[in-house]
N, C-alpha and C. Protein backbone atom coordinates (compact mmCIF):
# COMPACT_ATOMS: atom_id res chain seq x y z
N MET A 1 -10.89 10.17 15.20
CA MET A 1 -11.18 10.72 13.93
C MET A 1 -11.91 9.69 13.45
N SER A 2 -13.34 9.54 13.18
CA SER A 2 -14.19 8.63 12.71
C SER A 2 -14.66 8.80 11.24
N LEU A 3 -15.21 7.90 10.63
CA LEU A 3 -15.75 8.17 9.22
C LEU A 3 -17.09 8.88 9.31
N LYS A 4 -17.37 9.68 8.49
CA LYS A 4 -18.83 10.32 8.22
C LYS A 4 -19.69 9.49 8.10
N LYS A 5 -20.88 9.73 8.46
CA LYS A 5 -22.19 8.67 8.09
C LYS A 5 -22.17 8.46 6.27
N GLY A 6 -22.39 7.08 6.07
CA GLY A 6 -22.13 6.79 4.61
C GLY A 6 -20.92 6.85 4.10
N GLU A 7 -19.83 7.40 4.72
CA GLU A 7 -18.57 7.45 3.92
C GLU A 7 -17.85 6.36 3.62
N VAL A 8 -17.47 5.94 2.47
CA VAL A 8 -16.88 4.82 1.95
C VAL A 8 -15.36 4.52 2.69
N ASN A 9 -15.24 3.39 3.13
CA ASN A 9 -14.19 2.96 3.96
C ASN A 9 -13.18 1.82 3.09
N LEU A 10 -11.85 1.97 3.03
CA LEU A 10 -10.93 1.03 2.35
C LEU A 10 -10.73 0.12 3.66
N GLY A 11 -11.63 -0.37 4.61
CA GLY A 11 -11.11 -1.42 5.36
C GLY A 11 -10.29 -2.39 5.25
N THR A 12 -9.33 -2.58 5.17
CA THR A 12 -8.35 -2.90 3.94
C THR A 12 -7.11 -3.66 4.54
N SER A 13 -6.35 -4.62 3.78
CA SER A 13 -5.17 -5.11 4.04
C SER A 13 -4.25 -4.44 2.91
N ILE A 14 -3.38 -3.65 3.36
CA ILE A 14 -2.28 -3.25 2.41
C ILE A 14 -1.00 -3.73 2.78
N MET A 15 0.05 -3.75 1.74
CA MET A 15 1.50 -4.05 2.12
C MET A 15 2.51 -3.69 1.01
N ALA A 16 3.81 -3.48 1.50
CA ALA A 16 4.80 -3.41 0.59
C ALA A 16 6.08 -3.99 1.22
N VAL A 17 7.02 -4.50 0.38
CA VAL A 17 8.18 -5.34 0.81
C VAL A 17 8.97 -4.89 -0.33
N ALA A 18 10.11 -4.82 0.25
CA ALA A 18 11.68 -4.40 -0.29
C ALA A 18 12.15 -5.82 -0.76
N PHE A 19 12.57 -6.14 -2.06
CA PHE A 19 13.44 -7.05 -2.10
C PHE A 19 14.82 -6.82 -2.83
N LYS A 20 15.55 -7.45 -3.34
CA LYS A 20 16.87 -7.17 -3.59
C LYS A 20 16.95 -6.21 -4.86
N ASP A 21 16.05 -6.37 -5.82
CA ASP A 21 15.83 -5.55 -7.06
C ASP A 21 14.85 -4.64 -7.21
N GLY A 22 14.20 -4.55 -6.11
CA GLY A 22 12.79 -3.69 -6.35
C GLY A 22 11.81 -3.52 -5.21
N VAL A 23 10.88 -3.19 -5.29
CA VAL A 23 9.50 -3.80 -4.33
C VAL A 23 8.45 -4.12 -4.78
N ILE A 24 7.65 -4.95 -3.84
CA ILE A 24 6.53 -5.48 -4.36
C ILE A 24 5.13 -4.53 -3.33
N VAL A 25 4.20 -4.10 -4.09
CA VAL A 25 3.35 -3.74 -3.43
C VAL A 25 1.94 -4.32 -3.62
N GLY A 26 1.25 -4.65 -2.71
CA GLY A 26 -0.14 -5.41 -2.69
C GLY A 26 -1.16 -4.89 -2.00
N ALA A 27 -2.54 -5.42 -2.23
CA ALA A 27 -3.55 -5.08 -1.42
C ALA A 27 -4.69 -6.24 -1.86
N ASP A 28 -5.72 -6.11 -0.98
CA ASP A 28 -6.84 -6.63 -1.13
C ASP A 28 -7.64 -5.78 -2.02
N SER A 29 -8.96 -6.08 -2.14
CA SER A 29 -9.85 -5.30 -3.25
C SER A 29 -11.21 -4.96 -2.36
N ARG A 30 -11.36 -5.04 -1.27
CA ARG A 30 -12.78 -4.78 -0.75
C ARG A 30 -13.01 -3.56 -0.07
N THR A 31 -13.91 -2.60 -0.48
CA THR A 31 -14.32 -1.45 0.16
C THR A 31 -15.93 -1.61 0.76
N THR A 32 -15.53 -1.27 1.68
CA THR A 32 -17.05 -1.20 2.80
C THR A 32 -17.67 0.41 3.00
N THR A 33 -19.05 0.22 3.19
CA THR A 33 -19.68 1.26 4.07
C THR A 33 -20.21 0.62 4.88
N GLY A 34 -19.81 0.71 6.18
CA GLY A 34 -20.48 -0.32 7.39
C GLY A 34 -20.46 -1.63 6.90
N ALA A 35 -21.35 -2.49 7.13
CA ALA A 35 -21.32 -3.86 6.70
C ALA A 35 -21.60 -4.13 5.52
N TYR A 36 -21.99 -3.08 4.66
CA TYR A 36 -22.08 -3.29 3.18
C TYR A 36 -20.82 -3.18 2.25
N ILE A 37 -20.73 -4.13 1.39
CA ILE A 37 -19.69 -4.19 0.44
C ILE A 37 -19.83 -3.23 -0.70
N ALA A 38 -19.13 -2.17 -0.86
CA ALA A 38 -19.47 -1.38 -1.76
C ALA A 38 -18.76 -1.49 -3.16
N ASN A 39 -17.84 -1.99 -2.93
CA ASN A 39 -16.95 -2.37 -4.33
C ASN A 39 -16.04 -3.66 -3.78
N ARG A 40 -15.99 -4.76 -4.75
CA ARG A 40 -15.41 -6.03 -4.13
C ARG A 40 -14.32 -6.18 -5.16
N VAL A 41 -13.92 -5.18 -5.97
CA VAL A 41 -12.62 -5.16 -7.19
C VAL A 41 -11.89 -3.86 -6.97
N THR A 42 -12.20 -3.23 -5.82
CA THR A 42 -11.33 -1.97 -5.97
C THR A 42 -9.63 -2.05 -6.25
N ASP A 43 -9.24 -1.15 -6.68
CA ASP A 43 -7.64 -0.91 -7.04
C ASP A 43 -7.15 -0.13 -5.69
N LYS A 44 -6.65 -0.37 -4.91
CA LYS A 44 -6.09 0.19 -3.84
C LYS A 44 -4.52 0.67 -4.03
N LEU A 45 -3.95 0.36 -5.25
CA LEU A 45 -2.59 0.75 -5.36
C LEU A 45 -2.65 1.82 -6.32
N THR A 46 -2.00 2.97 -6.24
CA THR A 46 -2.48 3.88 -6.98
C THR A 46 -0.83 4.62 -7.32
N LYS A 47 -0.79 4.94 -8.68
CA LYS A 47 0.56 5.29 -9.40
C LYS A 47 0.55 7.01 -8.91
N VAL A 48 1.94 7.40 -8.18
CA VAL A 48 1.99 8.95 -8.08
C VAL A 48 3.32 9.22 -9.22
N HIS A 49 4.01 8.48 -9.48
CA HIS A 49 5.09 8.65 -10.25
C HIS A 49 5.68 7.44 -11.28
N ASP A 50 6.35 7.53 -12.27
CA ASP A 50 6.55 6.35 -12.90
C ASP A 50 6.88 5.11 -12.06
N ARG A 51 7.89 5.15 -11.20
CA ARG A 51 8.22 3.96 -10.44
C ARG A 51 7.74 4.22 -8.69
N ILE A 52 6.97 4.95 -8.68
CA ILE A 52 6.48 5.11 -7.15
C ILE A 52 5.18 4.82 -6.96
N TYR A 53 4.74 3.96 -6.11
CA TYR A 53 3.08 3.61 -5.92
C TYR A 53 2.64 4.06 -4.40
N CYS A 54 1.35 4.22 -4.38
CA CYS A 54 1.03 4.08 -2.90
C CYS A 54 -0.05 3.35 -2.84
N CYS A 55 0.07 2.71 -1.37
CA CYS A 55 -1.14 1.89 -0.92
C CYS A 55 -2.23 2.72 0.03
N ARG A 56 -3.47 2.49 -0.37
CA ARG A 56 -4.27 3.31 0.53
C ARG A 56 -5.31 2.49 1.73
N SER A 57 -5.18 3.04 2.70
CA SER A 57 -6.20 2.48 3.87
C SER A 57 -6.89 3.86 4.41
N GLY A 58 -8.12 3.52 5.00
CA GLY A 58 -8.70 4.63 5.65
C GLY A 58 -9.77 4.92 4.79
N SER A 59 -10.16 6.28 4.86
CA SER A 59 -11.27 7.07 3.99
C SER A 59 -10.91 6.82 2.49
N ALA A 60 -11.76 6.28 1.60
CA ALA A 60 -11.38 6.27 0.22
C ALA A 60 -11.17 7.60 -0.57
N ALA A 61 -12.14 8.47 -0.01
CA ALA A 61 -12.17 9.98 -0.52
C ALA A 61 -10.85 10.34 0.03
N ASP A 62 -10.52 10.45 1.31
CA ASP A 62 -9.29 11.12 1.75
C ASP A 62 -7.95 10.91 1.04
N THR A 63 -7.95 9.50 0.89
CA THR A 63 -6.81 9.09 0.54
C THR A 63 -6.53 9.37 -1.23
N GLN A 64 -7.56 9.12 -2.13
CA GLN A 64 -7.72 9.47 -3.37
C GLN A 64 -7.07 10.90 -3.49
N ALA A 65 -7.90 11.77 -2.65
CA ALA A 65 -7.47 13.39 -2.66
C ALA A 65 -6.11 13.51 -2.22
N ILE A 66 -5.26 12.96 -1.36
CA ILE A 66 -4.02 12.96 -0.70
C ILE A 66 -3.34 12.68 -1.95
N ALA A 67 -3.32 11.43 -2.70
CA ALA A 67 -2.77 11.02 -3.87
C ALA A 67 -2.82 11.48 -4.88
N ASP A 68 -4.17 12.12 -5.29
CA ASP A 68 -3.84 13.25 -6.41
C ASP A 68 -3.11 14.66 -6.35
N ILE A 69 -3.21 14.79 -5.16
CA ILE A 69 -2.10 16.17 -4.80
C ILE A 69 -0.70 15.64 -4.85
N VAL A 70 -0.58 14.51 -4.40
CA VAL A 70 1.28 13.98 -4.50
C VAL A 70 1.45 13.88 -5.81
N HIS A 71 0.60 13.17 -6.85
CA HIS A 71 0.80 12.91 -8.01
C HIS A 71 1.13 14.17 -8.83
N TYR A 72 0.11 15.15 -8.53
CA TYR A 72 0.17 16.51 -9.27
C TYR A 72 1.80 16.91 -8.87
N HIS A 73 2.29 17.34 -7.44
CA HIS A 73 3.60 17.82 -7.18
C HIS A 73 4.68 16.86 -7.62
N LEU A 74 4.66 15.90 -7.75
CA LEU A 74 5.87 14.80 -8.16
C LEU A 74 5.90 15.20 -9.81
N GLN A 75 4.68 15.45 -10.44
CA GLN A 75 5.00 15.68 -12.03
C GLN A 75 5.26 17.10 -12.09
N MET A 76 5.27 17.92 -11.27
CA MET A 76 5.77 19.16 -11.38
C MET A 76 7.38 19.27 -11.31
N TYR A 77 7.66 18.54 -9.92
CA TYR A 77 9.04 18.48 -9.46
C TYR A 77 9.76 17.87 -10.64
N SER A 78 9.50 16.65 -11.45
CA SER A 78 9.99 16.10 -12.47
C SER A 78 10.30 17.06 -13.68
N VAL A 79 9.47 17.98 -13.99
CA VAL A 79 9.70 18.81 -14.86
C VAL A 79 10.48 19.92 -14.72
N GLN A 80 10.19 20.34 -13.28
CA GLN A 80 11.19 21.64 -12.97
C GLN A 80 12.37 21.14 -12.68
N GLU A 81 12.90 20.06 -12.31
CA GLU A 81 14.04 19.62 -12.06
C GLU A 81 14.72 18.73 -13.09
N ASN A 82 13.86 18.50 -13.88
CA ASN A 82 14.32 17.66 -14.93
C ASN A 82 15.06 16.41 -14.53
N GLN A 83 14.35 15.63 -13.51
CA GLN A 83 14.87 14.29 -12.98
C GLN A 83 13.59 13.65 -12.37
N ALA A 84 13.70 12.38 -12.20
CA ALA A 84 12.62 11.67 -11.30
C ALA A 84 12.50 12.24 -10.04
N PRO A 85 11.58 12.11 -8.96
CA PRO A 85 11.48 12.24 -7.80
C PRO A 85 12.11 10.99 -6.79
N SER A 86 12.57 11.28 -5.91
CA SER A 86 13.04 10.03 -5.15
C SER A 86 11.55 9.47 -4.39
N VAL A 87 11.51 8.22 -3.83
CA VAL A 87 10.62 7.54 -3.14
C VAL A 87 10.64 8.44 -1.70
N ARG A 88 11.62 8.93 -1.23
CA ARG A 88 11.75 9.72 0.09
C ARG A 88 11.13 11.05 -0.27
N THR A 89 11.11 11.57 -1.30
CA THR A 89 10.38 12.68 -1.92
C THR A 89 8.84 12.73 -1.51
N ALA A 90 8.51 11.51 -2.38
CA ALA A 90 7.24 11.22 -2.11
C ALA A 90 6.50 10.95 -0.88
N GLY A 91 7.23 10.08 -0.31
CA GLY A 91 6.81 9.93 1.41
C GLY A 91 6.87 11.17 2.09
N ALA A 92 7.86 12.08 1.90
CA ALA A 92 7.55 13.43 2.99
C ALA A 92 6.47 14.44 2.28
N LEU A 93 6.07 13.98 1.19
CA LEU A 93 4.85 14.87 0.75
C LEU A 93 3.81 14.13 1.32
N PHE A 94 3.55 13.00 1.03
CA PHE A 94 2.46 12.32 1.79
C PHE A 94 2.58 12.60 3.31
N GLN A 95 3.60 12.84 3.83
CA GLN A 95 3.72 12.94 5.29
C GLN A 95 3.26 14.23 5.91
N GLU A 96 3.80 15.20 4.92
CA GLU A 96 3.26 16.66 5.16
C GLU A 96 2.00 16.85 4.95
N LEU A 97 1.26 16.12 3.91
CA LEU A 97 -0.34 16.42 3.68
C LEU A 97 -1.22 15.81 5.06
N CYS A 98 -0.65 14.38 5.40
CA CYS A 98 -1.17 13.75 6.33
C CYS A 98 -1.07 14.27 8.01
N TYR A 99 -0.10 14.97 8.06
CA TYR A 99 0.40 15.69 9.20
C TYR A 99 -0.36 16.83 9.51
N GLN A 100 -0.37 17.65 8.63
CA GLN A 100 -0.92 19.21 8.78
C GLN A 100 -2.29 18.85 8.59
N ASN A 101 -3.13 17.92 8.21
CA ASN A 101 -4.52 17.76 8.18
C ASN A 101 -4.81 16.56 8.66
N LYS A 102 -3.99 16.39 10.04
CA LYS A 102 -4.54 14.98 10.83
C LYS A 102 -5.68 14.87 11.32
N ASP A 103 -6.32 16.25 11.98
CA ASP A 103 -7.62 16.21 12.40
C ASP A 103 -8.67 16.10 11.64
N ASN A 104 -8.36 16.34 10.29
CA ASN A 104 -9.71 16.05 9.23
C ASN A 104 -9.41 15.01 8.38
N LEU A 105 -8.43 14.20 8.42
CA LEU A 105 -8.06 12.90 7.44
C LEU A 105 -8.33 11.58 8.05
N MET A 106 -8.90 10.93 7.77
CA MET A 106 -8.37 9.52 8.06
C MET A 106 -8.03 8.66 6.53
N ALA A 107 -6.34 8.60 6.87
CA ALA A 107 -5.73 7.86 5.89
C ALA A 107 -4.32 7.49 6.26
N GLY A 108 -4.36 5.81 6.10
CA GLY A 108 -3.00 5.18 6.27
C GLY A 108 -2.32 4.98 4.93
N ILE A 109 -1.13 5.27 4.86
CA ILE A 109 -0.79 5.14 3.56
C ILE A 109 0.70 4.62 3.53
N ILE A 110 1.11 3.37 2.42
CA ILE A 110 2.12 3.18 2.70
C ILE A 110 2.67 3.67 1.04
N VAL A 111 3.89 4.17 0.91
CA VAL A 111 4.55 4.62 -0.17
C VAL A 111 5.71 3.66 -0.55
N ALA A 112 5.81 3.14 -1.82
CA ALA A 112 6.85 2.09 -2.14
C ALA A 112 7.33 2.72 -3.59
N GLY A 113 8.50 2.15 -3.79
CA GLY A 113 9.15 2.14 -5.40
C GLY A 113 10.57 2.28 -5.32
N TRP A 114 11.00 2.55 -6.52
CA TRP A 114 12.56 2.42 -6.71
C TRP A 114 13.05 3.75 -7.48
N ASP A 115 14.12 4.19 -7.05
CA ASP A 115 14.98 5.49 -7.60
C ASP A 115 16.23 5.22 -7.61
N GLU A 116 16.92 5.92 -8.62
CA GLU A 116 18.47 5.87 -8.56
C GLU A 116 19.31 5.94 -7.48
N LYS A 117 18.86 6.89 -6.56
CA LYS A 117 19.53 7.32 -5.43
C LYS A 117 19.54 6.07 -4.44
N ASP A 118 18.25 5.83 -4.15
CA ASP A 118 18.38 4.67 -2.87
C ASP A 118 18.05 3.29 -3.28
N GLY A 119 17.78 3.16 -4.54
CA GLY A 119 17.20 1.74 -5.00
C GLY A 119 15.76 1.53 -4.46
N PRO A 120 15.41 0.38 -4.03
CA PRO A 120 14.05 0.12 -3.47
C PRO A 120 13.81 0.86 -2.35
N SER A 121 12.77 1.26 -2.07
CA SER A 121 12.29 2.12 -0.56
C SER A 121 11.07 1.77 -0.24
N VAL A 122 10.66 1.43 0.92
CA VAL A 122 9.55 1.37 1.44
C VAL A 122 8.99 2.61 2.57
N TYR A 123 8.17 3.49 2.42
CA TYR A 123 7.93 4.14 3.77
C TYR A 123 6.39 4.05 4.01
N ASN A 124 6.53 4.07 5.47
CA ASN A 124 4.92 4.01 6.18
C ASN A 124 4.62 5.21 6.48
N VAL A 125 3.16 5.62 6.43
CA VAL A 125 2.77 7.06 6.75
C VAL A 125 1.38 6.75 7.64
N PRO A 126 1.36 6.16 8.70
CA PRO A 126 0.15 5.81 9.37
C PRO A 126 -0.69 6.83 9.89
N LEU A 127 -2.00 6.76 10.42
CA LEU A 127 -2.83 7.63 11.11
C LEU A 127 -2.02 8.77 11.97
N GLY A 128 -2.25 9.95 11.60
CA GLY A 128 -1.23 10.93 12.57
C GLY A 128 -0.36 11.54 11.93
N GLY A 129 0.30 11.07 10.61
CA GLY A 129 1.29 11.46 9.79
C GLY A 129 2.62 11.57 10.04
N SER A 130 2.83 10.50 10.96
CA SER A 130 4.33 10.35 10.98
C SER A 130 5.00 9.55 9.75
N LEU A 131 6.33 9.49 9.53
CA LEU A 131 7.06 8.79 8.37
C LEU A 131 7.98 7.98 9.06
N HIS A 132 7.64 6.61 8.43
CA HIS A 132 8.82 5.53 8.82
C HIS A 132 9.25 4.82 7.59
N LYS A 133 10.59 4.78 7.48
CA LYS A 133 11.31 3.86 6.48
C LYS A 133 11.66 2.47 7.01
N GLN A 134 11.24 1.49 6.36
CA GLN A 134 11.13 0.01 6.89
C GLN A 134 11.33 -0.65 5.60
N PRO A 135 11.92 -2.04 6.12
CA PRO A 135 12.29 -2.90 4.73
C PRO A 135 10.76 -3.62 4.42
N PHE A 136 9.60 -3.68 5.26
CA PHE A 136 8.50 -4.06 4.84
C PHE A 136 7.52 -3.42 5.66
N ALA A 137 6.21 -3.05 5.01
CA ALA A 137 5.37 -2.43 5.79
C ALA A 137 3.91 -3.19 5.42
N ILE A 138 3.02 -3.04 6.60
CA ILE A 138 1.78 -3.56 6.56
C ILE A 138 0.72 -2.50 7.00
N GLY A 139 -0.50 -2.64 6.61
CA GLY A 139 -1.34 -1.76 7.09
C GLY A 139 -2.85 -1.90 6.80
N GLY A 140 -3.92 -1.31 7.33
CA GLY A 140 -5.08 -1.46 7.15
C GLY A 140 -5.77 -2.52 8.41
N SER A 141 -7.09 -2.62 8.45
CA SER A 141 -7.61 -3.42 9.54
C SER A 141 -7.20 -4.75 9.57
N GLY A 142 -6.74 -5.24 8.43
CA GLY A 142 -6.46 -6.80 8.20
C GLY A 142 -4.95 -7.13 8.63
N SER A 143 -4.09 -5.93 8.79
CA SER A 143 -2.66 -6.18 9.25
C SER A 143 -2.45 -6.75 10.37
N THR A 144 -3.39 -6.27 11.50
CA THR A 144 -3.51 -6.77 12.75
C THR A 144 -3.29 -8.34 13.24
N TYR A 145 -3.75 -9.02 11.88
CA TYR A 145 -3.83 -10.51 12.26
C TYR A 145 -2.59 -11.08 11.61
N ILE A 146 -1.71 -10.23 10.77
CA ILE A 146 -0.38 -10.98 10.57
C ILE A 146 1.04 -10.35 10.92
N TYR A 147 1.02 -9.39 11.71
CA TYR A 147 2.41 -9.22 12.30
C TYR A 147 3.17 -10.14 12.77
N GLY A 148 2.59 -11.30 13.36
CA GLY A 148 3.40 -12.45 13.72
C GLY A 148 3.88 -13.13 12.70
N TYR A 149 2.99 -13.44 11.69
CA TYR A 149 3.56 -14.11 10.30
C TYR A 149 4.47 -13.45 9.68
N CYS A 150 4.46 -11.95 9.35
CA CYS A 150 5.46 -11.45 8.73
C CYS A 150 6.64 -11.05 9.30
N ASP A 151 6.60 -11.08 10.65
CA ASP A 151 8.04 -10.99 11.54
C ASP A 151 8.60 -12.22 11.53
N ALA A 152 7.90 -13.55 11.58
CA ALA A 152 8.55 -14.81 11.41
C ALA A 152 9.23 -15.01 10.09
N VAL A 153 8.50 -14.64 9.03
CA VAL A 153 8.85 -15.04 7.62
C VAL A 153 9.82 -14.15 6.67
N TRP A 154 9.52 -12.69 7.16
CA TRP A 154 10.64 -11.86 6.68
C TRP A 154 11.89 -12.32 6.53
N GLN A 155 12.57 -11.90 5.49
CA GLN A 155 13.99 -12.14 5.38
C GLN A 155 14.59 -11.23 4.43
N ASP A 156 15.95 -10.65 4.92
CA ASP A 156 16.81 -9.72 4.11
C ASP A 156 16.82 -10.32 2.66
N ASP A 157 17.06 -9.44 1.46
CA ASP A 157 17.46 -9.70 0.17
C ASP A 157 16.78 -10.94 -0.34
N MET A 158 15.36 -10.82 -0.07
CA MET A 158 14.47 -11.88 -0.91
C MET A 158 14.72 -11.87 -2.30
N THR A 159 14.51 -12.86 -2.99
CA THR A 159 14.23 -12.76 -4.66
C THR A 159 13.04 -12.07 -4.90
N GLN A 160 12.63 -11.92 -5.99
CA GLN A 160 11.42 -11.11 -6.44
C GLN A 160 10.40 -12.38 -6.30
N GLU A 161 10.80 -13.59 -6.60
CA GLU A 161 9.82 -14.82 -6.75
C GLU A 161 9.56 -14.82 -5.15
N GLN A 162 10.30 -15.02 -4.00
CA GLN A 162 10.22 -15.16 -2.64
C GLN A 162 9.19 -14.11 -2.03
N ALA A 163 9.69 -12.73 -2.51
CA ALA A 163 8.92 -11.42 -2.18
C ALA A 163 7.37 -11.57 -2.79
N ILE A 164 7.04 -11.95 -3.65
CA ILE A 164 5.81 -11.90 -4.18
C ILE A 164 5.05 -13.10 -3.41
N ALA A 165 5.74 -14.35 -3.15
CA ALA A 165 4.86 -15.38 -2.26
C ALA A 165 4.54 -14.99 -1.19
N PHE A 166 5.56 -14.00 -0.34
CA PHE A 166 5.51 -13.68 0.99
C PHE A 166 4.33 -12.59 1.13
N THR A 167 4.28 -11.68 0.10
CA THR A 167 3.26 -10.61 0.09
C THR A 167 1.93 -11.24 -0.20
N LYS A 168 1.71 -12.46 -1.21
CA LYS A 168 0.22 -13.15 -1.60
C LYS A 168 -0.13 -13.91 -0.14
N ASN A 169 0.87 -14.67 0.67
CA ASN A 169 0.33 -15.24 1.78
C ASN A 169 0.04 -14.42 2.67
N ALA A 170 0.60 -13.31 3.18
CA ALA A 170 0.46 -12.45 3.96
C ALA A 170 -0.94 -11.81 3.91
N LEU A 171 -1.16 -11.59 2.77
CA LEU A 171 -2.58 -10.87 2.34
C LEU A 171 -3.80 -11.60 2.13
N SER A 172 -3.29 -13.05 1.81
CA SER A 172 -4.34 -13.75 1.77
C SER A 172 -4.84 -14.36 3.43
N LEU A 173 -3.74 -14.47 4.27
CA LEU A 173 -4.13 -14.71 5.59
C LEU A 173 -4.97 -13.57 6.21
N ALA A 174 -4.49 -12.14 6.01
CA ALA A 174 -5.53 -11.07 6.42
C ALA A 174 -6.91 -11.01 6.18
N MET A 175 -6.98 -11.61 4.85
CA MET A 175 -8.17 -11.38 4.06
C MET A 175 -9.08 -12.30 4.58
N ALA A 176 -8.71 -13.74 5.03
CA ALA A 176 -9.19 -14.94 5.73
C ALA A 176 -9.72 -14.50 6.99
N ARG A 177 -8.95 -13.72 7.85
CA ARG A 177 -9.15 -13.42 9.28
C ARG A 177 -10.39 -12.25 9.24
N ASP A 178 -9.86 -11.03 8.51
CA ASP A 178 -10.48 -10.08 8.59
C ASP A 178 -11.88 -9.42 7.79
N GLY A 179 -13.08 -9.50 8.37
CA GLY A 179 -14.30 -9.20 7.59
C GLY A 179 -14.18 -8.11 6.80
N SER A 180 -13.25 -6.91 6.76
CA SER A 180 -13.31 -5.82 6.14
C SER A 180 -12.42 -5.86 5.06
N SER A 181 -11.85 -7.21 4.81
CA SER A 181 -10.66 -7.47 3.78
C SER A 181 -11.30 -8.80 3.01
N GLY A 182 -11.16 -8.29 1.58
CA GLY A 182 -11.55 -9.70 0.99
C GLY A 182 -11.38 -9.46 -0.73
N GLY A 183 -11.82 -10.47 -1.23
CA GLY A 183 -11.91 -9.94 -2.82
C GLY A 183 -10.72 -10.97 -3.51
N VAL A 184 -10.12 -10.10 -4.33
CA VAL A 184 -8.88 -10.50 -4.98
C VAL A 184 -7.57 -9.85 -4.49
N ILE A 185 -6.21 -10.04 -4.88
CA ILE A 185 -5.13 -9.47 -4.45
C ILE A 185 -4.72 -8.85 -5.74
N ARG A 186 -4.54 -7.48 -5.65
CA ARG A 186 -3.65 -6.91 -6.71
C ARG A 186 -2.06 -6.55 -6.23
N LEU A 187 -1.33 -6.87 -7.17
CA LEU A 187 0.21 -6.55 -6.70
C LEU A 187 0.95 -5.93 -7.97
N ALA A 188 1.77 -5.08 -7.54
CA ALA A 188 2.68 -4.38 -8.72
C ALA A 188 4.21 -4.68 -8.32
N VAL A 189 4.95 -4.82 -9.13
CA VAL A 189 6.45 -5.45 -9.12
C VAL A 189 7.20 -3.98 -9.57
N ILE A 190 8.09 -3.48 -8.63
CA ILE A 190 8.31 -2.17 -9.05
C ILE A 190 9.97 -2.20 -9.14
N THR A 191 10.79 -2.34 -10.22
CA THR A 191 12.09 -2.26 -10.21
C THR A 191 12.66 -1.27 -11.13
N LYS A 192 14.18 -1.18 -11.59
CA LYS A 192 14.61 -0.24 -12.35
C LYS A 192 14.04 -0.40 -13.80
N ASP A 193 13.28 -1.31 -14.20
CA ASP A 193 12.98 -1.69 -15.61
C ASP A 193 11.65 -1.27 -15.84
N GLY A 194 10.94 -0.78 -14.61
CA GLY A 194 9.41 -0.51 -14.65
C GLY A 194 8.76 -0.92 -13.85
N VAL A 195 7.22 -1.11 -13.87
CA VAL A 195 6.08 -1.66 -13.28
C VAL A 195 5.52 -2.78 -13.92
N GLU A 196 5.41 -3.90 -13.09
CA GLU A 196 4.54 -4.98 -13.67
C GLU A 196 3.56 -5.43 -12.78
N ARG A 197 2.17 -5.27 -13.14
CA ARG A 197 1.25 -5.32 -12.53
C ARG A 197 0.78 -6.91 -12.62
N LEU A 198 0.16 -7.33 -11.21
CA LEU A 198 -0.06 -8.85 -11.14
C LEU A 198 -1.36 -9.04 -10.41
N PHE A 199 -2.23 -10.06 -10.98
CA PHE A 199 -3.76 -10.09 -10.55
C PHE A 199 -3.80 -11.60 -9.99
N VAL A 200 -4.09 -11.43 -8.58
CA VAL A 200 -4.71 -12.94 -8.13
C VAL A 200 -6.26 -13.16 -7.63
N PRO A 201 -6.95 -13.69 -8.48
CA PRO A 201 -8.36 -13.82 -8.43
C PRO A 201 -8.68 -14.73 -7.08
N GLY A 202 -9.89 -14.58 -6.85
CA GLY A 202 -10.05 -15.06 -5.48
C GLY A 202 -10.00 -16.61 -5.44
N ASN A 203 -10.33 -17.22 -6.45
CA ASN A 203 -10.32 -18.91 -6.25
C ASN A 203 -8.94 -19.29 -6.50
N GLU A 204 -7.96 -18.30 -6.68
CA GLU A 204 -6.30 -18.81 -6.93
C GLU A 204 -5.83 -18.36 -5.82
N LEU A 205 -6.13 -17.96 -4.64
CA LEU A 205 -5.54 -17.24 -3.47
C LEU A 205 -5.12 -18.59 -2.72
N PRO A 206 -3.76 -18.20 -2.16
CA PRO A 206 -2.96 -19.08 -1.22
C PRO A 206 -4.17 -19.47 -0.04
N THR A 207 -4.33 -21.07 -0.08
CA THR A 207 -4.98 -21.48 1.28
C THR A 207 -4.55 -21.90 2.58
N HIS A 208 -5.05 -21.42 3.66
CA HIS A 208 -4.26 -21.72 4.73
C HIS A 208 -5.48 -22.70 5.79
N TRP A 209 -5.02 -22.90 6.95
CA TRP A 209 -6.21 -23.68 7.62
C TRP A 209 -7.25 -22.45 8.11
N GLU A 210 -8.41 -22.73 8.26
CA GLU A 210 -9.65 -22.13 8.35
C GLU A 210 -10.65 -22.75 9.22
N GLY A 211 -9.93 -23.58 10.04
CA GLY A 211 -10.86 -24.08 11.44
C GLY A 211 -12.01 -24.96 10.91
């Protein structure tokens, strides 16, 4: 499945990390149409419920449509059941939509958040529509450059500060190597107390050796 002519692509670096008290979701901000940067300050973190966010990669149109549908279903669920949905429920909805329409979609999505039942959770829904619960997930074109870094640096039960630093470093490394990723880093810290949005401008990104 390839993008249609002129279709906007979130050629992306996205990431979610579970830590002791919650999750961090993060992404770069570059949206491309071929070699042209259509938007350099995109927000690829989409709220689907109070404490559940998704990170979107692939076709911007496809992932926005899927996120809108999941948002609608989760709002209906919370009204009908009189309780907040779990992150697992959100992940299952994303998976169902991505799998049933896998021949027509280009969407790689990471779902993460906090709920009363399971606490912090991260689910990965890659191209093809499978569903994987992971302690951390990376995705998008930039992710291929940082598997080694993430495997080496990841540790269980990180503090919030450690998880934020891990996410910022990983994304900045991906953005430095991947031509389809760049701009700024947008983060969301999700805990039982709510969501805190963080912003890292391009001139404050962590710097690494660049040859």
